[in-house]
Amino acid sequence: MGSVQLPAEILTYIFELLEDESIFGHTLPTCMTESYWTKKQDQWSLINPKESLYSKQLQKYATLKVRCFDIFYTVITVAYETGSQSSSLASTDPTKLRGLCYTLDQHSSLGWYVKRIHIVRFYASASRRMTLTDVENGLISVVHQCPNLELFTIDWPIAPSFRPIADALCSFSWKSLRSVHWSLTTASIPRLIWALDSLQNLISAHLEFEPVPSGDLDGSIKLGAASRLALHLPSLQQLSLRGLSQDFLEEAAGWSLPALQSFSLDFVANRHDLPDILDFLEQHGTQLTFLDLNTIPAIDIAAILDLCPILTTFSFNPDWRLPFHIEASNPLATPTLLHSPHPHITHIGLHQLLHAFMPKQLSGIAPHLTDVATILIQRTNDLTFSQLTRTFFPALKVIRVLNRALLEELEHNEGPDKESGCFTRWERWHDQCARQGVRLEDCTGALMGDLPMDEEEEEWEEWEDDSALHPHNVGELRELLDECKRMTIEDPVLQPAVH
């Protein structure tokens, strides 16, 4: 069948019918967004929320190609191969940007309807015949054609190209842009601040800061005039930072962020120069309802929660050595995690916890510790978890263990390590939550301890759980069925009606 040219309005209507709100939502996944299990080559693995979002996008494109192929062959063939459609543009291969730019040049009205651009991590190579500059120019050209862009995600460091890409966004999308996901070096912070100052309608921002290559800078960040900008971002509801963010957070503490409700900080494996979290929370903590702090250096939880009175979700690292752990060594003291109960927190997320359940299976996941250090961390974990009760959190409903690497190790090991007392710890924590009426979950939202099973295993477990189906009852069950058949044949009232 030949191609059929349809008006852009009809194409847009068809695309809108196939849209997924999770792809076009202005807020980004958080640590509490559920992961899910998938099985590849007879091995279970976890798909994180970001991968899940991208997987949904690919499935959506496949649906578009199947449903719309015969109607508008020409446009959709180009659009699908470049990863584009009238609401969203995405690509695993930036070399397709050339075709995408050509398509938008030929059908300029399509760019008007684009809401989302997502470029997956790009590795330059000679075989691709495309340099980083080519990708930069292609992205800028696409942004020029998409004046109503709302979401811009790029999953690889764009530090060398950040200035021209940011200039294009601030020139052509400053009114419409609602969500950004960028990966930069700390040297790009001055330009980042200027860009944010132009994007007044942002609702969510995820910023990853990678270290500056050795030799490029002397370690200091020169903000220049950007340090004097008193940013006012009236619509920003969600701010998520990852990596070396101390310089950026120091500036953000003095900004006006009246709508901010969600703040996340992942300091990765860094152990030094922790950002001044408490200073930031002194300025913005009173309005937060979601707070996620994933750091190795400890932060005083009691001080944090005093600054965030209306939090409903709080995630932290229970490996932190806190002041009350020291008090616990005194038999006359009554150690407490908080200064006073927090009335609003309903969900608590727990990072790390590798040593609590899998201390002997940590090769390649966590640094090796001596037996004494492992026992100390486990005692810290136990003391902290013992405080996660409705005595201190009267509204508590859910405690979620967030570490995906831990959950995958538990699946491979078929549960917590039993020889070192980890299984007993899991039972103790489970019983504590059960007594409190609190649900103890893993990062998939399932009960902690409910690991994935093959269909055959699930069927066998159902067989074992139902005593009526045990082998020694099969004979009785068959006799009962035979008796029912005889009754049906003998009694005309029980026979099925014939129409």
Protein backbone atom coordinates (compact mmCIF):
# COMPACT_ATOMS: atom_id res chain seq x y z
CA MET A 1 0.00 0.00 0.00
CA GLY A 2 1.36 3.44 -0.91
CA SER A 3 1.89 6.18 1.60
CA VAL A 4 -1.00 8.42 2.55
CA GLN A 5 -0.36 12.03 3.48
CA LEU A 6 -2.47 13.09 6.45
CA PRO A 7 -2.72 16.52 8.06
CA ALA A 8 -0.50 17.04 11.09
CA GLU A 9 -3.60 17.47 13.27
CA ILE A 10 -4.77 13.92 12.50
CA LEU A 11 -1.29 12.49 13.10
CA THR A 12 -1.14 14.30 16.41
CA TYR A 13 -4.53 12.96 17.45
CA ILE A 14 -3.45 9.38 16.71
CA PHE A 15 -0.23 9.82 18.66
CA GLU A 16 -2.08 11.28 21.64
CA LEU A 17 -4.25 8.18 21.81
CA LEU A 18 -1.10 6.14 22.36
CA GLU A 19 0.59 8.43 24.89
CA ASP A 20 1.69 7.12 28.29
CA GLU A 21 1.42 9.64 31.13
CA SER A 22 4.45 8.10 32.89
CA ILE A 23 6.61 9.07 29.90
CA PHE A 24 5.36 12.65 29.71
CA GLY A 25 5.03 13.42 33.43
CA HIS A 26 7.00 16.48 34.49
CA THR A 27 8.37 14.90 37.67
CA LEU A 28 11.26 12.42 37.56
CA PRO A 29 11.54 8.96 39.18
CA THR A 30 12.76 8.96 42.79
CA CYS A 31 14.43 6.36 44.97
CA MET A 32 10.94 5.28 46.08
CA THR A 33 9.78 4.59 42.51
CA GLU A 34 9.47 0.82 42.24
CA SER A 35 11.89 -1.35 40.28
CA TYR A 36 10.77 -4.64 38.78
CA TRP A 37 12.20 -8.08 38.06
CA THR A 38 13.01 -9.38 34.60
CA LYS A 39 14.56 -12.69 33.58
CA LYS A 40 17.26 -12.94 30.93
CA GLN A 41 19.18 -16.12 30.13
CA ASP A 42 17.77 -17.94 33.16
CA GLN A 43 18.92 -15.22 35.54
CA TRP A 44 16.79 -12.67 37.36
CA SER A 45 17.84 -9.02 37.37
CA LEU A 46 16.25 -5.76 38.41
CA ILE A 47 15.16 -2.98 36.09
CA ASN A 48 15.50 0.43 37.73
CA PRO A 49 12.85 3.15 37.24
CA LYS A 50 14.90 5.08 34.67
CA GLU A 51 15.44 1.94 32.57
CA SER A 52 11.76 1.14 32.96
CA LEU A 53 10.81 4.57 31.62
CA TYR A 54 13.01 4.11 28.57
CA SER A 55 11.69 0.56 28.02
CA LYS A 56 8.13 1.93 27.98
CA GLN A 57 9.20 4.46 25.38
CA LEU A 58 10.62 1.75 23.08
CA GLN A 59 7.47 -0.34 23.48
CA LYS A 60 5.41 2.69 22.61
CA TYR A 61 7.35 3.24 19.39
CA ALA A 62 6.87 -0.41 18.43
CA THR A 63 3.13 0.03 18.95
CA LEU A 64 3.13 3.14 16.80
CA LYS A 65 4.90 1.34 13.99
CA VAL A 66 2.53 -1.65 14.09
CA ARG A 67 -0.70 0.37 14.33
CA CYS A 68 0.12 3.17 11.93
CA PHE A 69 2.39 1.54 9.31
CA ASP A 70 -0.15 1.31 6.48
CA ILE A 71 -1.65 4.75 7.10
CA PHE A 72 1.39 6.99 6.88
CA TYR A 73 4.30 4.84 5.78
CA THR A 74 6.66 7.61 4.78
CA VAL A 75 6.51 9.75 7.93
CA ILE A 76 6.40 6.91 10.46
CA THR A 77 9.22 4.94 8.84
CA VAL A 78 11.56 7.90 9.23
CA ALA A 79 10.15 8.82 12.63
CA TYR A 80 10.45 5.31 14.06
CA GLU A 81 13.94 4.72 12.72
CA THR A 82 15.11 7.98 14.30
CA GLY A 83 13.14 7.32 17.47
CA SER A 84 10.76 10.21 16.91
CA GLN A 85 7.08 10.90 16.87
CA SER A 86 4.94 13.94 17.25
CA SER A 87 5.03 13.95 21.05
CA SER A 88 8.44 12.55 21.90
CA LEU A 89 11.87 12.12 20.34
CA ALA A 90 14.22 9.47 21.69
CA SER A 91 17.25 7.63 20.38
CA THR A 92 19.72 4.93 21.38
CA ASP A 93 21.86 5.90 18.39
CA PRO A 94 22.60 9.62 17.97
CA THR A 95 23.70 8.99 14.38
CA LYS A 96 19.95 8.95 13.65
CA LEU A 97 19.89 12.66 14.46
CA ARG A 98 20.77 13.43 10.84
CA GLY A 99 17.62 11.70 9.63
CA LEU A 100 15.60 13.33 12.37
CA CYS A 101 16.82 16.81 11.41
CA TYR A 102 15.96 16.08 7.79
CA THR A 103 12.47 14.88 8.76
CA LEU A 104 11.77 17.98 10.83
CA ASP A 105 13.05 20.19 8.02
CA GLN A 106 10.68 18.48 5.57
CA HIS A 107 7.72 18.37 8.00
CA SER A 108 8.27 21.43 10.17
CA SER A 109 4.79 21.23 11.67
CA LEU A 110 5.76 17.99 13.47
CA GLY A 111 8.32 19.82 15.61
CA TRP A 112 5.59 22.07 16.95
CA TYR A 113 4.02 19.08 18.78
CA VAL A 114 7.20 17.60 20.29
CA LYS A 115 7.08 17.62 24.09
CA ARG A 116 9.96 15.34 25.03
CA ILE A 117 13.53 14.72 23.84
CA HIS A 118 15.52 11.83 25.31
CA ILE A 119 19.01 10.88 24.13
CA VAL A 120 20.52 7.75 25.64
CA ARG A 121 24.21 7.57 26.52
CA PHE A 122 26.45 8.10 23.49
CA TYR A 123 29.95 6.72 22.93
CA ALA A 124 31.78 8.38 20.04
CA SER A 125 33.59 5.99 17.70
CA ALA A 126 35.05 6.05 14.22
CA SER A 127 32.67 3.32 13.08
CA ARG A 128 29.68 5.57 13.80
CA ARG A 129 31.14 8.33 11.64
CA MET A 130 29.75 10.89 14.04
CA THR A 131 31.69 13.09 16.43
CA LEU A 132 30.48 14.76 19.60
CA THR A 133 30.29 18.02 17.66
CA ASP A 134 27.97 16.38 15.14
CA VAL A 135 25.70 15.25 17.99
CA GLU A 136 25.81 18.74 19.48
CA ASN A 137 24.84 20.38 16.20
CA GLY A 138 22.08 17.84 15.62
CA LEU A 139 20.58 18.42 19.07
CA ILE A 140 20.68 22.18 18.65
CA SER A 141 18.97 21.88 15.26
CA VAL A 142 16.24 19.68 16.77
CA VAL A 143 15.70 22.09 19.68
CA HIS A 144 15.28 24.93 17.18
CA GLN A 145 12.47 22.96 15.53
CA CYS A 146 10.66 22.15 18.82
CA PRO A 147 9.39 25.41 20.33
CA ASN A 148 7.00 23.66 22.74
CA LEU A 149 9.51 21.27 24.30
CA GLU A 150 8.64 20.34 27.90
CA LEU A 151 11.10 17.56 28.85
CA PHE A 152 14.77 17.35 27.88
CA THR A 153 16.80 14.32 29.00
CA ILE A 154 20.32 13.43 27.92
CA ASP A 155 21.91 10.40 29.60
CA TRP A 156 25.59 11.17 29.06
CA PRO A 157 27.94 13.97 30.14
CA ILE A 158 27.35 17.04 27.99
CA ALA A 159 29.93 19.31 29.61
CA PRO A 160 31.81 20.11 26.36
CA SER A 161 28.53 20.90 24.59
CA PHE A 162 26.51 22.24 27.48
CA ARG A 163 26.87 25.94 26.65
CA PRO A 164 25.45 25.82 23.08
CA ILE A 165 22.75 23.29 24.03
CA ALA A 166 21.72 25.36 27.05
CA ASP A 167 21.71 28.52 24.92
CA ALA A 168 19.38 26.82 22.42
CA LEU A 169 17.00 25.69 25.18
CA CYS A 170 17.00 29.13 26.82
CA SER A 171 16.34 30.80 23.46
CA PHE A 172 13.66 28.51 22.01
CA SER A 173 12.14 26.56 24.96
CA TRP A 174 12.35 28.92 27.90
CA LYS A 175 8.58 29.27 28.18
CA SER A 176 7.64 25.61 27.72
CA LEU A 177 10.48 23.63 29.35
CA ARG A 178 9.31 21.88 32.55
CA SER A 179 11.83 19.10 33.22
CA VAL A 180 15.57 18.66 32.59
CA HIS A 181 18.01 15.81 33.20
CA TRP A 182 21.63 16.85 32.61
CA SER A 183 25.05 15.40 33.41
CA LEU A 184 27.82 18.01 33.80
CA THR A 185 31.22 18.59 35.32
CA THR A 186 31.56 20.97 38.24
CA ALA A 187 33.32 23.42 35.89
CA SER A 188 29.95 23.92 34.15
CA ILE A 189 28.21 25.18 37.29
CA PRO A 190 28.49 28.92 36.40
CA ARG A 191 26.83 28.36 33.00
CA LEU A 192 24.27 26.06 34.65
CA ILE A 193 23.25 28.81 37.06
CA TRP A 194 22.78 31.27 34.20
CA ALA A 195 20.69 28.69 32.31
CA LEU A 196 18.44 28.01 35.32
CA ASP A 197 17.93 31.74 35.72
CA SER A 198 16.38 31.76 32.23
CA LEU A 199 14.19 28.67 32.77
CA GLN A 200 11.65 30.13 35.17
CA ASN A 201 8.97 27.50 34.46
CA LEU A 202 10.98 24.41 35.41
CA ILE A 203 9.07 21.95 37.61
CA SER A 204 11.79 19.31 38.06
CA ALA A 205 15.56 19.18 37.58
CA HIS A 206 17.94 16.23 37.89
CA LEU A 207 21.60 17.29 37.77
CA GLU A 208 24.60 14.93 37.84
CA PHE A 209 28.01 16.42 38.61
CA GLU A 210 31.07 14.50 37.51
CA PRO A 211 34.60 15.37 38.63
CA VAL A 212 36.67 17.62 36.42
CA PRO A 213 39.42 15.65 34.61
CA SER A 214 42.74 15.93 36.42
CA GLY A 215 44.82 18.83 35.20
CA ASP A 216 41.89 20.83 33.83
CA LEU A 217 41.38 22.85 37.01
CA ASP A 218 43.21 23.46 40.24
CA GLY A 219 40.22 22.16 42.19
CA SER A 220 38.49 25.49 42.75
CA ILE A 221 35.32 26.55 40.96
CA LYS A 222 35.25 30.17 39.82
CA LEU A 223 31.60 31.19 39.66
CA GLY A 224 32.24 34.79 38.71
CA ALA A 225 29.08 36.86 38.28
CA ALA A 226 26.96 33.69 38.64
CA SER A 227 27.70 33.69 42.38
CA ARG A 228 25.78 36.93 42.76
CA LEU A 229 22.63 35.69 41.04
CA ALA A 230 19.75 35.43 43.48
CA LEU A 231 17.75 32.87 41.51
CA HIS A 232 13.98 32.80 41.84
CA LEU A 233 12.49 29.57 40.49
CA PRO A 234 8.81 29.91 41.36
CA SER A 235 7.67 26.60 39.80
CA LEU A 236 10.49 24.21 40.79
CA GLN A 237 8.93 21.37 42.82
CA GLN A 238 11.60 18.67 42.51
CA LEU A 239 15.39 19.00 42.72
CA SER A 240 17.59 15.91 42.42
CA LEU A 241 21.41 16.05 42.66
CA ARG A 242 23.99 13.31 42.13
CA GLY A 243 27.76 13.39 42.52
CA LEU A 244 30.00 16.26 43.56
CA SER A 245 27.29 18.81 44.22
CA GLN A 246 28.70 20.78 47.15
CA ASP A 247 29.42 23.97 45.17
CA PHE A 248 26.01 23.95 43.50
CA LEU A 249 24.15 23.25 46.76
CA GLU A 250 25.99 26.06 48.53
CA GLU A 251 24.58 28.48 45.94
CA ALA A 252 21.10 26.90 45.91
CA ALA A 253 20.76 27.37 49.68
CA GLY A 254 20.35 31.11 49.08
CA TRP A 255 17.87 30.90 46.21
CA SER A 256 14.13 31.45 46.31
CA LEU A 257 12.42 28.09 45.73
CA PRO A 258 8.88 28.64 47.06
CA ALA A 259 7.35 25.56 45.36
CA LEU A 260 10.09 23.04 46.26
CA GLN A 261 8.58 19.87 47.75
CA SER A 262 11.05 17.12 46.84
CA PHE A 263 14.83 17.10 47.33
CA SER A 264 17.21 14.19 46.63
CA LEU A 265 20.97 13.95 47.08
CA ASP A 266 23.03 10.95 45.99
CA PHE A 267 26.66 11.56 46.91
CA VAL A 268 27.64 8.21 45.31
CA ALA A 269 30.86 6.77 46.82
CA ASN A 270 32.35 10.15 47.77
CA ARG A 271 33.46 10.39 51.39
CA HIS A 272 34.89 13.92 51.57
CA ASP A 273 33.56 17.45 51.17
CA LEU A 274 29.97 16.50 51.92
CA PRO A 275 27.59 19.33 50.91
CA ASP A 276 26.19 21.41 53.74
CA ILE A 277 22.80 19.67 53.82
CA LEU A 278 21.69 21.28 57.06
CA ASP A 279 22.30 24.79 55.72
CA PHE A 280 20.19 23.98 52.65
CA LEU A 281 17.42 22.51 54.81
CA GLU A 282 17.44 25.53 57.11
CA GLN A 283 16.35 27.57 54.08
CA HIS A 284 14.05 25.10 52.31
CA GLY A 285 13.29 22.23 54.70
CA THR A 286 10.04 23.58 56.14
CA GLN A 287 8.21 23.08 52.82
CA LEU A 288 9.60 19.66 51.85
CA THR A 289 7.36 16.59 51.80
CA PHE A 290 9.97 14.25 50.20
CA LEU A 291 13.63 14.03 51.27
CA ASP A 292 16.17 11.45 50.06
CA LEU A 293 19.76 11.52 51.35
CA ASN A 294 22.04 8.76 50.09
CA THR A 295 25.52 9.50 51.40
CA ILE A 296 28.29 7.51 53.04
CA PRO A 297 29.27 10.28 55.52
CA ALA A 298 26.72 10.48 58.33
CA ILE A 299 24.24 13.31 58.80
CA ASP A 300 22.39 13.90 62.06
CA ILE A 301 18.88 12.52 61.44
CA ALA A 302 17.40 14.28 64.48
CA ALA A 303 18.62 17.66 63.20
CA ILE A 304 17.37 16.89 59.68
CA LEU A 305 13.85 16.02 60.76
CA ASP A 306 13.65 19.02 63.09
CA LEU A 307 14.16 21.18 59.98
CA CYS A 308 11.56 19.29 57.90
CA PRO A 309 8.33 19.24 59.95
CA ILE A 310 5.90 18.24 57.17
CA LEU A 311 7.88 15.43 55.51
CA THR A 312 5.82 12.41 54.51
CA THR A 313 8.66 10.41 52.86
CA PHE A 314 12.22 10.21 54.17
CA SER A 315 15.10 8.05 52.87
CA PHE A 316 18.55 7.76 54.43
CA ASN A 317 21.50 5.44 55.00
CA PRO A 318 21.05 3.26 58.12
CA ASP A 319 24.80 2.53 58.05
CA TRP A 320 25.33 6.05 59.44
CA ARG A 321 27.04 6.16 62.84
CA LEU A 322 24.92 8.69 64.77
CA PRO A 323 25.22 10.32 68.20
CA PHE A 324 22.61 8.07 69.76
CA HIS A 325 24.63 4.96 68.83
CA ILE A 326 27.37 6.18 71.17
CA GLU A 327 24.82 6.80 73.91
CA ALA A 328 23.60 3.21 73.51
CA SER A 329 26.90 1.92 74.90
CA ASN A 330 25.95 3.43 78.26
CA PRO A 331 23.66 0.98 80.12
CA LEU A 332 22.12 3.87 82.09
CA ALA A 333 21.20 5.89 78.97
CA THR A 334 18.01 5.68 76.92
CA PRO A 335 19.16 6.38 73.36
CA THR A 336 16.68 7.91 70.94
CA LEU A 337 16.97 8.53 67.21
CA LEU A 338 14.87 11.73 67.25
CA HIS A 339 14.46 14.65 69.60
CA SER A 340 10.68 14.23 69.37
CA PRO A 341 8.23 12.12 67.31
CA HIS A 342 7.70 13.15 63.69
CA PRO A 343 3.92 13.12 63.09
CA HIS A 344 3.72 13.11 59.28
CA ILE A 345 6.23 10.57 57.91
CA THR A 346 4.39 7.61 56.39
CA HIS A 347 7.17 6.09 54.21
CA ILE A 348 10.82 5.48 55.13
CA GLY A 349 13.42 4.32 52.59
CA LEU A 350 16.66 2.59 53.60
CA HIS A 351 19.78 2.72 51.39
CA GLN A 352 22.87 0.44 51.63
CA LEU A 353 22.36 -2.35 54.28
CA LEU A 354 24.64 -4.75 52.39
CA HIS A 355 26.44 -5.82 55.56
CA ALA A 356 23.14 -6.40 57.40
CA PHE A 357 22.11 -9.30 55.17
CA MET A 358 24.99 -10.39 52.91
CA PRO A 359 28.38 -9.77 54.61
CA LYS A 360 30.07 -12.78 52.95
CA GLN A 361 28.82 -12.19 49.41
CA LEU A 362 29.99 -8.61 48.88
CA SER A 363 32.84 -9.06 46.41
CA GLY A 364 32.50 -6.49 43.65
CA ILE A 365 29.64 -4.68 45.40
CA ALA A 366 31.10 -3.15 48.56
CA PRO A 367 34.59 -2.77 50.04
CA HIS A 368 35.75 -5.64 52.19
CA LEU A 369 35.59 -4.99 55.93
CA THR A 370 37.18 -6.73 58.87
CA ASP A 371 34.94 -8.90 61.02
CA VAL A 372 34.99 -6.26 63.77
CA ALA A 373 33.95 -3.47 61.37
CA THR A 374 31.17 -5.65 59.94
CA ILE A 375 29.80 -6.40 63.41
CA LEU A 376 29.91 -2.67 64.27
CA ILE A 377 27.88 -1.76 61.17
CA GLN A 378 25.40 -4.55 61.86
CA ARG A 379 24.93 -3.28 65.42
CA THR A 380 24.43 0.23 64.02
CA ASN A 381 21.81 -1.13 61.61
CA ASP A 382 19.98 -2.95 64.41
CA LEU A 383 19.94 0.06 66.72
CA THR A 384 18.67 2.36 63.98
CA PHE A 385 15.98 -0.05 62.81
CA SER A 386 14.79 -0.56 66.38
CA GLN A 387 13.86 3.13 66.42
CA LEU A 388 11.72 2.95 63.26
CA THR A 389 8.50 2.42 65.13
CA ARG A 390 5.27 4.31 65.63
CA THR A 391 6.66 5.64 68.89
CA PHE A 392 8.81 8.03 66.85
CA PHE A 393 6.80 7.90 63.60
CA PRO A 394 3.10 7.70 64.57
CA ALA A 395 1.89 7.78 60.93
CA LEU A 396 4.41 5.20 59.63
CA LYS A 397 3.00 2.75 57.08
CA VAL A 398 5.89 1.46 54.96
CA ILE A 399 9.62 0.81 55.37
CA ARG A 400 11.31 0.06 52.04
CA VAL A 401 14.80 -1.44 51.56
CA LEU A 402 16.05 0.40 48.45
CA ASN A 403 19.33 -1.27 47.50
CA ARG A 404 18.87 -3.08 44.17
CA ALA A 405 22.32 -4.73 44.33
CA LEU A 406 21.39 -6.14 47.74
CA LEU A 407 18.09 -7.52 46.49
CA GLU A 408 19.76 -9.18 43.49
CA GLU A 409 22.32 -10.79 45.81
CA LEU A 410 19.51 -12.01 48.07
CA GLU A 411 17.82 -13.58 45.04
CA HIS A 412 21.04 -15.28 43.92
CA ASN A 413 21.67 -16.51 47.47
CA GLU A 414 18.00 -17.51 47.99
CA GLY A 415 17.67 -15.26 50.98
CA PRO A 416 19.83 -13.67 53.71
CA ASP A 417 23.03 -15.34 54.81
CA LYS A 418 22.14 -17.81 57.59
CA GLU A 419 25.57 -18.64 59.00
CA SER A 420 26.34 -15.09 60.18
CA GLY A 421 22.94 -14.43 61.78
CA CYS A 422 21.61 -12.31 58.89
CA PHE A 423 18.54 -14.47 58.46
CA THR A 424 17.76 -14.04 62.15
CA ARG A 425 18.11 -10.28 61.72
CA TRP A 426 15.62 -10.31 58.84
CA GLU A 427 13.16 -12.27 60.98
CA ARG A 428 13.60 -9.84 63.87
CA TRP A 429 13.02 -6.80 61.67
CA HIS A 430 10.03 -8.47 60.02
CA ASP A 431 8.47 -9.26 63.41
CA GLN A 432 9.03 -5.68 64.62
CA CYS A 433 7.19 -4.29 61.59
CA ALA A 434 4.38 -6.83 61.95
CA ARG A 435 3.81 -5.82 65.56
CA GLN A 436 3.70 -2.17 64.56
CA GLY A 437 1.35 -2.70 61.63
CA VAL A 438 4.07 -1.48 59.25
CA ARG A 439 4.80 -3.06 55.86
CA LEU A 440 8.47 -4.02 55.29
CA GLU A 441 9.13 -3.90 51.53
CA ASP A 442 11.96 -4.26 49.05
CA CYS A 443 12.65 -1.88 46.16
CA THR A 444 10.02 -3.58 43.96
CA GLY A 445 7.24 -2.83 46.44
CA ALA A 446 6.93 -6.53 47.34
CA LEU A 447 7.24 -7.76 50.90
CA MET A 448 10.89 -8.02 51.94
CA GLY A 449 11.70 -11.71 51.53
CA ASP A 450 9.31 -12.39 48.64
CA LEU A 451 11.81 -13.13 45.87
CA PRO A 452 10.86 -13.76 42.21
CA MET A 453 9.93 -17.28 41.13
CA ASP A 454 9.49 -19.08 37.83
CA GLU A 455 5.95 -20.02 36.82
CA GLU A 456 6.66 -23.67 37.62
CA GLU A 457 7.81 -22.73 41.13
CA GLU A 458 4.71 -20.58 41.67
CA GLU A 459 2.43 -23.44 40.60
CA TRP A 460 4.21 -25.87 42.94
CA GLU A 461 4.00 -23.40 45.84
CA GLU A 462 0.25 -22.99 45.25
CA TRP A 463 -0.05 -26.82 45.21
CA GLU A 464 1.80 -27.06 48.52
CA ASP A 465 -0.27 -24.28 50.13
CA ASP A 466 -3.61 -25.87 49.22
CA SER A 467 -4.05 -29.00 51.36
CA ALA A 468 -6.99 -30.14 49.19
CA LEU A 469 -4.55 -30.65 46.31
CA HIS A 470 -1.87 -32.63 48.12
CA PRO A 471 -1.18 -36.03 46.49
CA HIS A 472 -2.70 -38.00 49.37
CA ASN A 473 -6.02 -36.19 48.79
CA VAL A 474 -6.17 -36.66 45.02
CA GLY A 475 -8.07 -39.97 45.31
CA GLU A 476 -10.72 -38.42 47.52
CA LEU A 477 -11.04 -35.45 45.15
CA ARG A 478 -11.58 -37.75 42.16
CA GLU A 479 -14.26 -39.74 44.01
CA LEU A 480 -16.05 -36.50 44.88
CA LEU A 481 -16.01 -35.36 41.23
CA ASP A 482 -17.34 -38.76 40.05
CA GLU A 483 -20.16 -38.54 42.61
CA CYS A 484 -21.09 -35.04 41.35
CA LYS A 485 -21.24 -36.34 37.77
CA ARG A 486 -23.53 -39.21 38.79
CA MET A 487 -25.82 -36.83 40.66
CA THR A 488 -26.02 -34.57 37.58
CA ILE A 489 -26.98 -37.45 35.32
CA GLU A 490 -29.57 -38.90 37.72
CA ASP A 491 -31.26 -35.63 38.69
CA PRO A 492 -32.74 -33.71 35.71
CA VAL A 493 -32.87 -30.53 37.81
CA LEU A 494 -29.07 -30.45 37.93
CA GLN A 495 -28.60 -31.07 34.20
CA PRO A 496 -27.56 -28.02 32.12
CA ALA A 497 -30.33 -26.38 30.12
CA VAL A 498 -30.24 -26.72 26.35
CA HIS A 499 -31.09 -23.63 24.31
